[in-house]
Amino acid sequence: MLIKGWKVVKAHNHSSAIQNFYTGAVFYRKGVCARPEPGCGPLTIFKTKEAAEFFVQKLSPNGHLLIEFQLVIIHCLYTPSNLDSVWCSEYTTKTPVGELERLNSCIIPDSIAFADAIMPLE
């Protein structure tokens, strides 16, 4: 089942805005399903555009980015994941979605979904 969602990516190459250094970059191209590397993932996606906008705004207060790249929000379809924690267990501690949201003030609670695949629509 495909569900609509919103992904925040770097404007210059459409890779994830926030990514684990060890798992490599995931690139999001219109009409192409992006998947995590084997043994990694799942991917994260915002359930609403408002949640994605809140995330970007929190990362760029007063128009100054806290990270080095310009970010864009892209509309996507995604396949929900049955996994309950994110990132690669070989290199980092896997983090459940509730903990990810609790630890990050730039994420609205219950606004993130985990995905096995994400396909940008734009």
PDB file of N, CA and C in Angstrom:
ATOM      1  N   MET A   1       0.843  -1.181   0.000  1.00  0.00           N
ATOM      2  CA  MET A   1       0.000   0.000   0.000  1.00  0.00           C
ATOM      3  C   MET A   1       0.888   1.245   0.000  1.00  0.00           C
ATOM      4  N   LEU A   2       0.672   2.131  -0.935  1.00  0.00           N
ATOM      5  CA  LEU A   2       1.433   3.377  -1.006  1.00  0.00           C
ATOM      6  C   LEU A   2       0.676   4.486  -0.285  1.00  0.00           C
ATOM      7  N   ILE A   3       1.418   5.282   0.482  1.00  0.00           N
ATOM      8  CA  ILE A   3       0.847   6.376   1.266  1.00  0.00           C
ATOM      9  C   ILE A   3       1.562   7.664   0.867  1.00  0.00           C
ATOM     10  N   LYS A   4       0.835   8.776   0.880  1.00  0.00           N
ATOM     11  CA  LYS A   4       1.438  10.077   0.573  1.00  0.00           C
ATOM     12  C   LYS A   4       2.214  10.585   1.783  1.00  0.00           C
ATOM     13  N   GLY A   5       3.375  11.191   1.514  1.00  0.00           N
ATOM     14  CA  GLY A   5       4.193  11.771   2.572  1.00  0.00           C
ATOM     15  C   GLY A   5       5.077  12.861   1.990  1.00  0.00           C
ATOM     16  N   TRP A   6       5.942  13.420   2.844  1.00  0.00           N
ATOM     17  CA  TRP A   6       6.802  14.540   2.467  1.00  0.00           C
ATOM     18  C   TRP A   6       8.213  14.271   2.957  1.00  0.00           C
ATOM     19  N   LYS A   7       9.191  14.428   2.074  1.00  0.00           N
ATOM     20  CA  LYS A   7      10.590  14.185   2.397  1.00  0.00           C
ATOM     21  C   LYS A   7      11.358  15.502   2.319  1.00  0.00           C
ATOM     22  N   VAL A   8      12.209  15.739   3.325  1.00  0.00           N
ATOM     23  CA  VAL A   8      13.081  16.914   3.322  1.00  0.00           C
ATOM     24  C   VAL A   8      14.440  16.457   2.800  1.00  0.00           C
ATOM     25  N   VAL A   9      14.888  17.115   1.726  1.00  0.00           N
ATOM     26  CA  VAL A   9      16.144  16.726   1.079  1.00  0.00           C
ATOM     27  C   VAL A   9      17.012  17.953   0.838  1.00  0.00           C
ATOM     28  N   LYS A  10      18.290  17.697   0.588  1.00  0.00           N
ATOM     29  CA  LYS A  10      19.211  18.769   0.210  1.00  0.00           C
ATOM     30  C   LYS A  10      18.895  19.189  -1.218  1.00  0.00           C
ATOM     31  N   ALA A  11      18.799  20.499  -1.433  1.00  0.00           N
ATOM     32  CA  ALA A  11      18.401  21.021  -2.745  1.00  0.00           C
ATOM     33  C   ALA A  11      19.387  20.655  -3.853  1.00  0.00           C
ATOM     34  N   HIS A  12      20.671  20.628  -3.556  1.00  0.00           N
ATOM     35  CA  HIS A  12      21.663  20.448  -4.615  1.00  0.00           C
ATOM     36  C   HIS A  12      21.758  19.022  -5.155  1.00  0.00           C
ATOM     37  N   ASN A  13      21.380  18.004  -4.353  1.00  0.00           N
ATOM     38  CA  ASN A  13      21.502  16.638  -4.876  1.00  0.00           C
ATOM     39  C   ASN A  13      20.360  15.699  -4.484  1.00  0.00           C
ATOM     40  N   HIS A  14      19.375  16.217  -3.786  1.00  0.00           N
ATOM     41  CA  HIS A  14      18.203  15.442  -3.341  1.00  0.00           C
ATOM     42  C   HIS A  14      18.568  14.231  -2.489  1.00  0.00           C
ATOM     43  N   SER A  15      19.604  14.374  -1.662  1.00  0.00           N
ATOM     44  CA  SER A  15      19.892  13.345  -0.663  1.00  0.00           C
ATOM     45  C   SER A  15      19.194  13.754   0.634  1.00  0.00           C
ATOM     46  N   SER A  16      19.095  12.829   1.569  1.00  0.00           N
ATOM     47  CA  SER A  16      18.413  13.100   2.833  1.00  0.00           C
ATOM     48  C   SER A  16      19.010  14.308   3.539  1.00  0.00           C
ATOM     49  N   ALA A  17      18.154  15.108   4.135  1.00  0.00           N
ATOM     50  CA  ALA A  17      18.607  16.290   4.869  1.00  0.00           C
ATOM     51  C   ALA A  17      19.489  15.886   6.044  1.00  0.00           C
ATOM     52  N   ILE A  18      19.092  14.861   6.745  1.00  0.00           N
ATOM     53  CA  ILE A  18      19.849  14.323   7.871  1.00  0.00           C
ATOM     54  C   ILE A  18      20.118  12.865   7.542  1.00  0.00           C
ATOM     55  N   GLN A  19      21.365  12.461   7.626  1.00  0.00           N
ATOM     56  CA  GLN A  19      21.678  11.068   7.295  1.00  0.00           C
ATOM     57  C   GLN A  19      22.809  10.552   8.166  1.00  0.00           C
ATOM     58  N   ASN A  20      22.832   9.255   8.308  1.00  0.00           N
ATOM     59  CA  ASN A  20      23.881   8.595   9.067  1.00  0.00           C
ATOM     60  C   ASN A  20      25.110   8.470   8.167  1.00  0.00           C
ATOM     61  N   PHE A  21      26.231   8.994   8.611  1.00  0.00           N
ATOM     62  CA  PHE A  21      27.468   8.975   7.839  1.00  0.00           C
ATOM     63  C   PHE A  21      27.836   7.566   7.382  1.00  0.00           C
ATOM     64  N   TYR A  22      27.643   6.573   8.231  1.00  0.00           N
ATOM     65  CA  TYR A  22      28.084   5.208   7.934  1.00  0.00           C
ATOM     66  C   TYR A  22      27.196   4.471   6.942  1.00  0.00           C
ATOM     67  N   THR A  23      25.923   4.871   6.842  1.00  0.00           N
ATOM     68  CA  THR A  23      25.018   4.128   5.972  1.00  0.00           C
ATOM     69  C   THR A  23      25.010   4.639   4.549  1.00  0.00           C
ATOM     70  N   GLY A  24      25.687   5.735   4.287  1.00  0.00           N
ATOM     71  CA  GLY A  24      25.732   6.270   2.935  1.00  0.00           C
ATOM     72  C   GLY A  24      24.506   7.101   2.622  1.00  0.00           C
ATOM     73  N   ALA A  25      24.607   7.867   1.569  1.00  0.00           N
ATOM     74  CA  ALA A  25      23.515   8.749   1.173  1.00  0.00           C
ATOM     75  C   ALA A  25      22.446   7.990   0.407  1.00  0.00           C
ATOM     76  N   VAL A  26      21.210   8.380   0.632  1.00  0.00           N
ATOM     77  CA  VAL A  26      20.094   7.897  -0.163  1.00  0.00           C
ATOM     78  C   VAL A  26      19.644   9.087  -0.994  1.00  0.00           C
ATOM     79  N   PHE A  27      19.510   8.892  -2.297  1.00  0.00           N
ATOM     80  CA  PHE A  27      19.110   9.970  -3.195  1.00  0.00           C
ATOM     81  C   PHE A  27      17.667   9.758  -3.630  1.00  0.00           C
ATOM     82  N   TYR A  28      16.930  10.843  -3.725  1.00  0.00           N
ATOM     83  CA  TYR A  28      15.511  10.805  -4.036  1.00  0.00           C
ATOM     84  C   TYR A  28      15.282  11.468  -5.391  1.00  0.00           C
ATOM     85  N   ARG A  29      14.941  10.650  -6.406  1.00  0.00           N
ATOM     86  CA  ARG A  29      14.737  11.126  -7.774  1.00  0.00           C
ATOM     87  C   ARG A  29      13.273  10.894  -8.176  1.00  0.00           C
ATOM     88  N   LYS A  30      12.694  11.861  -8.844  1.00  0.00           N
ATOM     89  CA  LYS A  30      11.300  11.786  -9.265  1.00  0.00           C
ATOM     90  C   LYS A  30      11.023  10.475 -10.003  1.00  0.00           C
ATOM     91  N   GLY A  31       9.993   9.756  -9.530  1.00  0.00           N
ATOM     92  CA  GLY A  31       9.551   8.528 -10.174  1.00  0.00           C
ATOM     93  C   GLY A  31      10.399   7.296  -9.915  1.00  0.00           C
ATOM     94  N   VAL A  32      11.441   7.415  -9.084  1.00  0.00           N
ATOM     95  CA  VAL A  32      12.332   6.284  -8.801  1.00  0.00           C
ATOM     96  C   VAL A  32      12.222   5.937  -7.318  1.00  0.00           C
ATOM     97  N   CYS A  33      11.985   4.662  -7.011  1.00  0.00           N
ATOM     98  CA  CYS A  33      11.888   4.233  -5.607  1.00  0.00           C
ATOM     99  C   CYS A  33      13.266   4.216  -4.962  1.00  0.00           C
ATOM    100  N   ALA A  34      13.391   4.959  -3.882  1.00  0.00           N
ATOM    101  CA  ALA A  34      14.620   4.940  -3.080  1.00  0.00           C
ATOM    102  C   ALA A  34      14.435   3.926  -1.964  1.00  0.00           C
ATOM    103  N   ARG A  35      15.489   3.154  -1.713  1.00  0.00           N
ATOM    104  CA  ARG A  35      15.462   2.143  -0.649  1.00  0.00           C
ATOM    105  C   ARG A  35      16.743   2.254   0.164  1.00  0.00           C
ATOM    106  N   PRO A  36      16.690   1.854   1.436  1.00  0.00           N
ATOM    107  CA  PRO A  36      17.922   1.892   2.233  1.00  0.00           C
ATOM    108  C   PRO A  36      18.884   0.802   1.788  1.00  0.00           C
ATOM    109  N   GLU A  37      20.153   0.982   2.109  1.00  0.00           N
ATOM    110  CA  GLU A  37      21.154  -0.046   1.847  1.00  0.00           C
ATOM    111  C   GLU A  37      20.782  -1.314   2.626  1.00  0.00           C
ATOM    112  N   PRO A  38      21.171  -2.492   2.145  1.00  0.00           N
ATOM    113  CA  PRO A  38      20.896  -3.727   2.880  1.00  0.00           C
ATOM    114  C   PRO A  38      21.424  -3.650   4.322  1.00  0.00           C
ATOM    115  N   GLY A  39      20.602  -4.064   5.264  1.00  0.00           N
ATOM    116  CA  GLY A  39      20.979  -4.039   6.671  1.00  0.00           C
ATOM    117  C   GLY A  39      20.801  -2.685   7.329  1.00  0.00           C
ATOM    118  N   CYS A  40      20.351  -1.692   6.584  1.00  0.00           N
ATOM    119  CA  CYS A  40      20.152  -0.337   7.101  1.00  0.00           C
ATOM    120  C   CYS A  40      18.684   0.040   6.991  1.00  0.00           C
ATOM    121  N   GLY A  41      18.369   1.192   7.519  1.00  0.00           N
ATOM    122  CA  GLY A  41      17.012   1.692   7.384  1.00  0.00           C
ATOM    123  C   GLY A  41      16.193   1.401   8.627  1.00  0.00           C
ATOM    124  N   PRO A  42      14.931   1.632   8.530  1.00  0.00           N
ATOM    125  CA  PRO A  42      14.190   2.075   7.362  1.00  0.00           C
ATOM    126  C   PRO A  42      14.437   3.552   7.059  1.00  0.00           C
ATOM    127  N   LEU A  43      13.807   4.050   6.013  1.00  0.00           N
ATOM    128  CA  LEU A  43      13.879   5.463   5.678  1.00  0.00           C
ATOM    129  C   LEU A  43      12.836   6.204   6.518  1.00  0.00           C
ATOM    130  N   THR A  44      13.046   7.499   6.725  1.00  0.00           N
ATOM    131  CA  THR A  44      12.061   8.297   7.451  1.00  0.00           C
ATOM    132  C   THR A  44      11.389   9.259   6.491  1.00  0.00           C
ATOM    133  N   ILE A  45      10.126   9.554   6.777  1.00  0.00           N
ATOM    134  CA  ILE A  45       9.352  10.475   5.954  1.00  0.00           C
ATOM    135  C   ILE A  45       8.332  11.164   6.850  1.00  0.00           C
ATOM    136  N   PHE A  46       8.017  12.411   6.526  1.00  0.00           N
ATOM    137  CA  PHE A  46       7.001  13.136   7.280  1.00  0.00           C
ATOM    138  C   PHE A  46       5.617  12.785   6.751  1.00  0.00           C
ATOM    139  N   LYS A  47       4.672  12.662   7.674  1.00  0.00           N
ATOM    140  CA  LYS A  47       3.300  12.316   7.306  1.00  0.00           C
ATOM    141  C   LYS A  47       2.555  13.497   6.691  1.00  0.00           C
ATOM    142  N   THR A  48       2.941  14.726   7.053  1.00  0.00           N
ATOM    143  CA  THR A  48       2.260  15.909   6.535  1.00  0.00           C
ATOM    144  C   THR A  48       3.280  16.940   6.048  1.00  0.00           C
ATOM    145  N   LYS A  49       2.835  17.793   5.141  1.00  0.00           N
ATOM    146  CA  LYS A  49       3.695  18.867   4.661  1.00  0.00           C
ATOM    147  C   LYS A  49       3.990  19.851   5.789  1.00  0.00           C
ATOM    148  N   GLU A  50       3.014  20.092   6.647  1.00  0.00           N
ATOM    149  CA  GLU A  50       3.202  21.013   7.772  1.00  0.00           C
ATOM    150  C   GLU A  50       4.315  20.535   8.700  1.00  0.00           C
ATOM    151  N   ALA A  51       4.389  19.245   8.947  1.00  0.00           N
ATOM    152  CA  ALA A  51       5.448  18.694   9.798  1.00  0.00           C
ATOM    153  C   ALA A  51       6.817  18.856   9.134  1.00  0.00           C
ATOM    154  N   ALA A  52       6.876  18.648   7.821  1.00  0.00           N
ATOM    155  CA  ALA A  52       8.135  18.851   7.084  1.00  0.00           C
ATOM    156  C   ALA A  52       8.541  20.321   7.116  1.00  0.00           C
ATOM    157  N   GLU A  53       7.576  21.221   6.953  1.00  0.00           N
ATOM    158  CA  GLU A  53       7.862  22.661   7.008  1.00  0.00           C
ATOM    159  C   GLU A  53       8.353  23.075   8.392  1.00  0.00           C
ATOM    160  N   PHE A  54       7.754  22.515   9.447  1.00  0.00           N
ATOM    161  CA  PHE A  54       8.180  22.800  10.818  1.00  0.00           C
ATOM    162  C   PHE A  54       9.627  22.360  11.019  1.00  0.00           C
ATOM    163  N   PHE A  55       9.971  21.185  10.511  1.00  0.00           N
ATOM    164  CA  PHE A  55      11.325  20.651  10.601  1.00  0.00           C
ATOM    165  C   PHE A  55      12.328  21.595   9.925  1.00  0.00           C
ATOM    166  N   VAL A  56      12.018  22.021   8.706  1.00  0.00           N
ATOM    167  CA  VAL A  56      12.908  22.922   7.973  1.00  0.00           C
ATOM    168  C   VAL A  56      13.030  24.253   8.706  1.00  0.00           C
ATOM    169  N   GLN A  57      11.914  24.776   9.197  1.00  0.00           N
ATOM    170  CA  GLN A  57      11.935  26.062   9.910  1.00  0.00           C
ATOM    171  C   GLN A  57      12.793  25.965  11.165  1.00  0.00           C
ATOM    172  N   LYS A  58      12.705  24.863  11.890  1.00  0.00           N
ATOM    173  CA  LYS A  58      13.500  24.685  13.106  1.00  0.00           C
ATOM    174  C   LYS A  58      14.988  24.552  12.794  1.00  0.00           C
ATOM    175  N   LEU A  59      15.311  24.025  11.622  1.00  0.00           N
ATOM    176  CA  LEU A  59      16.713  23.898  11.224  1.00  0.00           C
ATOM    177  C   LEU A  59      17.262  25.189  10.629  1.00  0.00           C
ATOM    178  N   SER A  60      16.373  26.132  10.345  1.00  0.00           N
ATOM    179  CA  SER A  60      16.830  27.394   9.755  1.00  0.00           C
ATOM    180  C   SER A  60      16.133  28.588  10.405  1.00  0.00           C
ATOM    181  N   PRO A  61      16.277  28.765  11.718  1.00  0.00           N
ATOM    182  CA  PRO A  61      15.646  29.905  12.383  1.00  0.00           C
ATOM    183  C   PRO A  61      16.221  31.219  11.864  1.00  0.00           C
ATOM    184  N   ASN A  62      15.370  32.207  11.726  1.00  0.00           N
ATOM    185  CA  ASN A  62      15.778  33.528  11.234  1.00  0.00           C
ATOM    186  C   ASN A  62      16.439  33.465   9.865  1.00  0.00           C
ATOM    187  N   GLY A  63      16.120  32.438   9.083  1.00  0.00           N
ATOM    188  CA  GLY A  63      16.676  32.331   7.743  1.00  0.00           C
ATOM    189  C   GLY A  63      18.106  31.828   7.678  1.00  0.00           C
ATOM    190  N   HIS A  64      18.691  31.464   8.825  1.00  0.00           N
ATOM    191  CA  HIS A  64      20.066  30.977   8.854  1.00  0.00           C
ATOM    192  C   HIS A  64      20.059  29.469   9.100  1.00  0.00           C
ATOM    193  N   LEU A  65      20.545  28.721   8.124  1.00  0.00           N
ATOM    194  CA  LEU A  65      20.557  27.264   8.251  1.00  0.00           C
ATOM    195  C   LEU A  65      21.520  26.809   9.332  1.00  0.00           C
ATOM    196  N   LEU A  66      21.063  25.862  10.134  1.00  0.00           N
ATOM    197  CA  LEU A  66      21.934  25.249  11.125  1.00  0.00           C
ATOM    198  C   LEU A  66      22.772  24.149  10.491  1.00  0.00           C
ATOM    199  N   ILE A  67      22.397  23.753   9.276  1.00  0.00           N
ATOM    200  CA  ILE A  67      23.193  22.795   8.519  1.00  0.00           C
ATOM    201  C   ILE A  67      23.681  23.498   7.268  1.00  0.00           C
ATOM    202  N   GLU A  68      24.619  22.915   6.570  1.00  0.00           N
ATOM    203  CA  GLU A  68      25.322  23.633   5.503  1.00  0.00           C
ATOM    204  C   GLU A  68      24.630  23.645   4.150  1.00  0.00           C
ATOM    205  N   PHE A  69      23.486  23.003   4.003  1.00  0.00           N
ATOM    206  CA  PHE A  69      22.844  22.908   2.704  1.00  0.00           C
ATOM    207  C   PHE A  69      21.445  23.506   2.726  1.00  0.00           C
ATOM    208  N   GLN A  70      21.016  24.048   1.590  1.00  0.00           N
ATOM    209  CA  GLN A  70      19.639  24.492   1.441  1.00  0.00           C
ATOM    210  C   GLN A  70      18.755  23.249   1.365  1.00  0.00           C
ATOM    211  N   LEU A  71      17.600  23.310   2.001  1.00  0.00           N
ATOM    212  CA  LEU A  71      16.695  22.172   2.042  1.00  0.00           C
ATOM    213  C   LEU A  71      15.440  22.446   1.226  1.00  0.00           C
ATOM    214  N   VAL A  72      14.903  21.394   0.635  1.00  0.00           N
ATOM    215  CA  VAL A  72      13.624  21.474  -0.061  1.00  0.00           C
ATOM    216  C   VAL A  72      12.740  20.331   0.421  1.00  0.00           C
ATOM    217  N   ILE A  73      11.442  20.525   0.261  1.00  0.00           N
ATOM    218  CA  ILE A  73      10.456  19.518   0.657  1.00  0.00           C
ATOM    219  C   ILE A  73       9.846  18.956  -0.615  1.00  0.00           C
ATOM    220  N   ILE A  74       9.852  17.626  -0.729  1.00  0.00           N
ATOM    221  CA  ILE A  74       9.278  17.003  -1.923  1.00  0.00           C
ATOM    222  C   ILE A  74       8.129  16.069  -1.530  1.00  0.00           C
ATOM    223  N   HIS A  75       7.091  16.094  -2.355  1.00  0.00           N
ATOM    224  CA  HIS A  75       5.923  15.234  -2.165  1.00  0.00           C
ATOM    225  C   HIS A  75       6.263  13.837  -2.668  1.00  0.00           C
ATOM    226  N   CYS A  76       5.902  12.818  -1.910  1.00  0.00           N
ATOM    227  CA  CYS A  76       6.298  11.444  -2.234  1.00  0.00           C
ATOM    228  C   CYS A  76       5.172  10.457  -1.965  1.00  0.00           C
ATOM    229  N   LEU A  77       5.357   9.261  -2.465  1.00  0.00           N
ATOM    230  CA  LEU A  77       4.585   8.090  -2.059  1.00  0.00           C
ATOM    231  C   LEU A  77       5.564   7.171  -1.349  1.00  0.00           C
ATOM    232  N   TYR A  78       5.082   6.468  -0.306  1.00  0.00           N
ATOM    233  CA  TYR A  78       5.980   5.563   0.392  1.00  0.00           C
ATOM    234  C   TYR A  78       5.287   4.265   0.776  1.00  0.00           C
ATOM    235  N   THR A  79       6.105   3.235   0.920  1.00  0.00           N
ATOM    236  CA  THR A  79       5.654   1.942   1.413  1.00  0.00           C
ATOM    237  C   THR A  79       6.016   1.868   2.886  1.00  0.00           C
ATOM    238  N   PRO A  80       5.018   1.768   3.778  1.00  0.00           N
ATOM    239  CA  PRO A  80       5.318   1.723   5.210  1.00  0.00           C
ATOM    240  C   PRO A  80       6.205   0.530   5.562  1.00  0.00           C
ATOM    241  N   SER A  81       7.049   0.727   6.567  1.00  0.00           N
ATOM    242  CA  SER A  81       7.932  -0.329   7.038  1.00  0.00           C
ATOM    243  C   SER A  81       7.362  -0.982   8.296  1.00  0.00           C
ATOM    244  N   ASN A  82       7.649  -2.247   8.464  1.00  0.00           N
ATOM    245  CA  ASN A  82       7.285  -2.946   9.697  1.00  0.00           C
ATOM    246  C   ASN A  82       8.355  -2.777  10.767  1.00  0.00           C
ATOM    247  N   LEU A  83       9.509  -2.220  10.393  1.00  0.00           N
ATOM    248  CA  LEU A  83      10.580  -2.004  11.362  1.00  0.00           C
ATOM    249  C   LEU A  83      10.187  -0.898  12.329  1.00  0.00           C
ATOM    250  N   ASP A  84      10.677  -0.979  13.558  1.00  0.00           N
ATOM    251  CA  ASP A  84      10.257  -0.012  14.573  1.00  0.00           C
ATOM    252  C   ASP A  84      11.385   0.886  15.069  1.00  0.00           C
ATOM    253  N   SER A  85      12.545   0.814  14.414  1.00  0.00           N
ATOM    254  CA  SER A  85      13.657   1.698  14.768  1.00  0.00           C
ATOM    255  C   SER A  85      14.453   1.996  13.503  1.00  0.00           C
ATOM    256  N   VAL A  86      15.248   3.066  13.564  1.00  0.00           N
ATOM    257  CA  VAL A  86      15.860   3.588  12.353  1.00  0.00           C
ATOM    258  C   VAL A  86      17.391   3.541  12.413  1.00  0.00           C
ATOM    259  N   TRP A  87      18.006   3.470  11.260  1.00  0.00           N
ATOM    260  CA  TRP A  87      19.436   3.507  10.983  1.00  0.00           C
ATOM    261  C   TRP A  87      20.095   2.152  11.114  1.00  0.00           C
ATOM    262  N   CYS A  88      21.356   2.126  10.839  1.00  0.00           N
ATOM    263  CA  CYS A  88      22.090   0.869  10.684  1.00  0.00           C
ATOM    264  C   CYS A  88      22.614   0.365  12.028  1.00  0.00           C
ATOM    265  N   SER A  89      22.200  -0.810  12.426  1.00  0.00           N
ATOM    266  CA  SER A  89      22.599  -1.342  13.729  1.00  0.00           C
ATOM    267  C   SER A  89      24.077  -1.712  13.789  1.00  0.00           C
ATOM    268  N   GLU A  90      24.733  -1.890  12.636  1.00  0.00           N
ATOM    269  CA  GLU A  90      26.157  -2.226  12.638  1.00  0.00           C
ATOM    270  C   GLU A  90      27.021  -1.053  13.074  1.00  0.00           C
ATOM    271  N   TYR A  91      26.521   0.191  12.904  1.00  0.00           N
ATOM    272  CA  TYR A  91      27.342   1.363  13.155  1.00  0.00           C
ATOM    273  C   TYR A  91      26.822   2.287  14.249  1.00  0.00           C
ATOM    274  N   THR A  92      25.526   2.272  14.502  1.00  0.00           N
ATOM    275  CA  THR A  92      24.945   3.155  15.501  1.00  0.00           C
ATOM    276  C   THR A  92      23.856   2.428  16.262  1.00  0.00           C
ATOM    277  N   THR A  93      23.445   3.022  17.323  1.00  0.00           N
ATOM    278  CA  THR A  93      22.304   2.491  18.054  1.00  0.00           C
ATOM    279  C   THR A  93      21.048   2.779  17.262  1.00  0.00           C
ATOM    280  N   LYS A  94      20.212   1.774  17.101  1.00  0.00           N
ATOM    281  CA  LYS A  94      18.955   1.995  16.402  1.00  0.00           C
ATOM    282  C   LYS A  94      18.013   2.765  17.322  1.00  0.00           C
ATOM    283  N   THR A  95      17.280   3.698  16.749  1.00  0.00           N
ATOM    284  CA  THR A  95      16.429   4.594  17.520  1.00  0.00           C
ATOM    285  C   THR A  95      14.964   4.388  17.158  1.00  0.00           C
ATOM    286  N   PRO A  96      14.108   4.038  18.128  1.00  0.00           N
ATOM    287  CA  PRO A  96      12.669   3.922  17.856  1.00  0.00           C
ATOM    288  C   PRO A  96      12.093   5.292  17.491  1.00  0.00           C
ATOM    289  N   VAL A  97      11.012   5.303  16.705  1.00  0.00           N
ATOM    290  CA  VAL A  97      10.437   6.560  16.238  1.00  0.00           C
ATOM    291  C   VAL A  97      10.028   7.471  17.393  1.00  0.00           C
ATOM    292  N   GLY A  98       9.443   6.937  18.447  1.00  0.00           N
ATOM    293  CA  GLY A  98       9.039   7.768  19.580  1.00  0.00           C
ATOM    294  C   GLY A  98      10.223   8.457  20.230  1.00  0.00           C
ATOM    295  N   GLU A  99      11.336   7.765  20.348  1.00  0.00           N
ATOM    296  CA  GLU A  99      12.554   8.337  20.925  1.00  0.00           C
ATOM    297  C   GLU A  99      13.154   9.378  19.983  1.00  0.00           C
ATOM    298  N   LEU A 100      13.121   9.107  18.690  1.00  0.00           N
ATOM    299  CA  LEU A 100      13.611  10.060  17.695  1.00  0.00           C
ATOM    300  C   LEU A 100      12.852  11.379  17.817  1.00  0.00           C
ATOM    301  N   GLU A 101      11.537  11.285  17.950  1.00  0.00           N
ATOM    302  CA  GLU A 101      10.715  12.480  18.088  1.00  0.00           C
ATOM    303  C   GLU A 101      10.955  13.180  19.426  1.00  0.00           C
ATOM    304  N   ARG A 102      11.121  12.418  20.497  1.00  0.00           N
ATOM    305  CA  ARG A 102      11.319  13.004  21.827  1.00  0.00           C
ATOM    306  C   ARG A 102      12.648  13.747  21.920  1.00  0.00           C
ATOM    307  N   LEU A 103      13.665  13.255  21.260  1.00  0.00           N
ATOM    308  CA  LEU A 103      14.998  13.832  21.361  1.00  0.00           C
ATOM    309  C   LEU A 103      15.231  15.021  20.426  1.00  0.00           C
ATOM    310  N   ASN A 104      14.349  15.249  19.500  1.00  0.00           N
ATOM    311  CA  ASN A 104      14.548  16.304  18.507  1.00  0.00           C
ATOM    312  C   ASN A 104      13.425  17.328  18.568  1.00  0.00           C
ATOM    313  N   SER A 105      13.748  18.545  18.990  1.00  0.00           N
ATOM    314  CA  SER A 105      12.738  19.595  19.088  1.00  0.00           C
ATOM    315  C   SER A 105      12.269  20.072  17.714  1.00  0.00           C
ATOM    316  N   CYS A 106      12.917  19.619  16.654  1.00  0.00           N
ATOM    317  CA  CYS A 106      12.516  20.018  15.308  1.00  0.00           C
ATOM    318  C   CYS A 106      11.509  19.036  14.696  1.00  0.00           C
ATOM    319  N   ILE A 107      11.082  18.051  15.478  1.00  0.00           N
ATOM    320  CA  ILE A 107      10.125  17.061  14.984  1.00  0.00           C
ATOM    321  C   ILE A 107       8.850  17.119  15.820  1.00  0.00           C
ATOM    322  N   ILE A 108       7.722  17.306  15.155  1.00  0.00           N
ATOM    323  CA  ILE A 108       6.417  17.289  15.820  1.00  0.00           C
ATOM    324  C   ILE A 108       6.098  15.842  16.182  1.00  0.00           C
ATOM    325  N   PRO A 109       5.683  15.572  17.429  1.00  0.00           N
ATOM    326  CA  PRO A 109       5.343  14.198  17.810  1.00  0.00           C
ATOM    327  C   PRO A 109       4.309  13.572  16.866  1.00  0.00           C
ATOM    328  N   ASP A 110       4.501  12.300  16.573  1.00  0.00           N
ATOM    329  CA  ASP A 110       3.636  11.496  15.710  1.00  0.00           C
ATOM    330  C   ASP A 110       3.584  12.023  14.272  1.00  0.00           C
ATOM    331  N   SER A 111       4.684  12.640  13.814  1.00  0.00           N
ATOM    332  CA  SER A 111       4.685  13.188  12.452  1.00  0.00           C
ATOM    333  C   SER A 111       5.597  12.436  11.492  1.00  0.00           C
ATOM    334  N   ILE A 112       6.327  11.440  12.006  1.00  0.00           N
ATOM    335  CA  ILE A 112       7.263  10.690  11.175  1.00  0.00           C
ATOM    336  C   ILE A 112       6.757   9.266  10.975  1.00  0.00           C
ATOM    337  N   ALA A 113       6.959   8.765   9.765  1.00  0.00           N
ATOM    338  CA  ALA A 113       6.686   7.362   9.467  1.00  0.00           C
ATOM    339  C   ALA A 113       7.990   6.719   9.002  1.00  0.00           C
ATOM    340  N   PHE A 114       8.095   5.422   9.192  1.00  0.00           N
ATOM    341  CA  PHE A 114       9.220   4.660   8.674  1.00  0.00           C
ATOM    342  C   PHE A 114       8.779   4.004   7.373  1.00  0.00           C
ATOM    343  N   ALA A 115       9.684   3.996   6.387  1.00  0.00           N
ATOM    344  CA  ALA A 115       9.345   3.497   5.061  1.00  0.00           C
ATOM    345  C   ALA A 115      10.402   2.509   4.558  1.00  0.00           C
ATOM    346  N   ASP A 116       9.931   1.487   3.844  1.00  0.00           N
ATOM    347  CA  ASP A 116      10.833   0.558   3.168  1.00  0.00           C
ATOM    348  C   ASP A 116      11.258   1.108   1.808  1.00  0.00           C
ATOM    349  N   ALA A 117      10.418   1.978   1.226  1.00  0.00           N
ATOM    350  CA  ALA A 117      10.716   2.598  -0.064  1.00  0.00           C
ATOM    351  C   ALA A 117       9.990   3.929  -0.140  1.00  0.00           C
ATOM    352  N   ILE A 118      10.643   4.905  -0.787  1.00  0.00           N
ATOM    353  CA  ILE A 118      10.055   6.230  -0.989  1.00  0.00           C
ATOM    354  C   ILE A 118      10.227   6.610  -2.457  1.00  0.00           C
ATOM    355  N   MET A 119       9.116   7.024  -3.098  1.00  0.00           N
ATOM    356  CA  MET A 119       9.177   7.458  -4.492  1.00  0.00           C
ATOM    357  C   MET A 119       8.707   8.912  -4.600  1.00  0.00           C
ATOM    358  N   PRO A 120       9.628   9.822  -4.913  1.00  0.00           N
ATOM    359  CA  PRO A 120       9.246  11.228  -5.090  1.00  0.00           C
ATOM    360  C   PRO A 120       8.301  11.416  -6.281  1.00  0.00           C
ATOM    361  N   LEU A 121       7.343  12.302  -6.097  1.00  0.00           N
ATOM    362  CA  LEU A 121       6.386  12.632  -7.161  1.00  0.00           C
ATOM    363  C   LEU A 121       6.801  13.894  -7.907  1.00  0.00           C
ATOM    364  N   GLU A 122       7.857  14.549  -7.403  1.00  0.00           N
ATOM    365  CA  GLU A 122       8.328  15.785  -8.037  1.00  0.00           C
ATOM    366  C   GLU A 122       9.835  15.857  -7.999  1.00  0.00           C
TER     367      GLU A 122
END
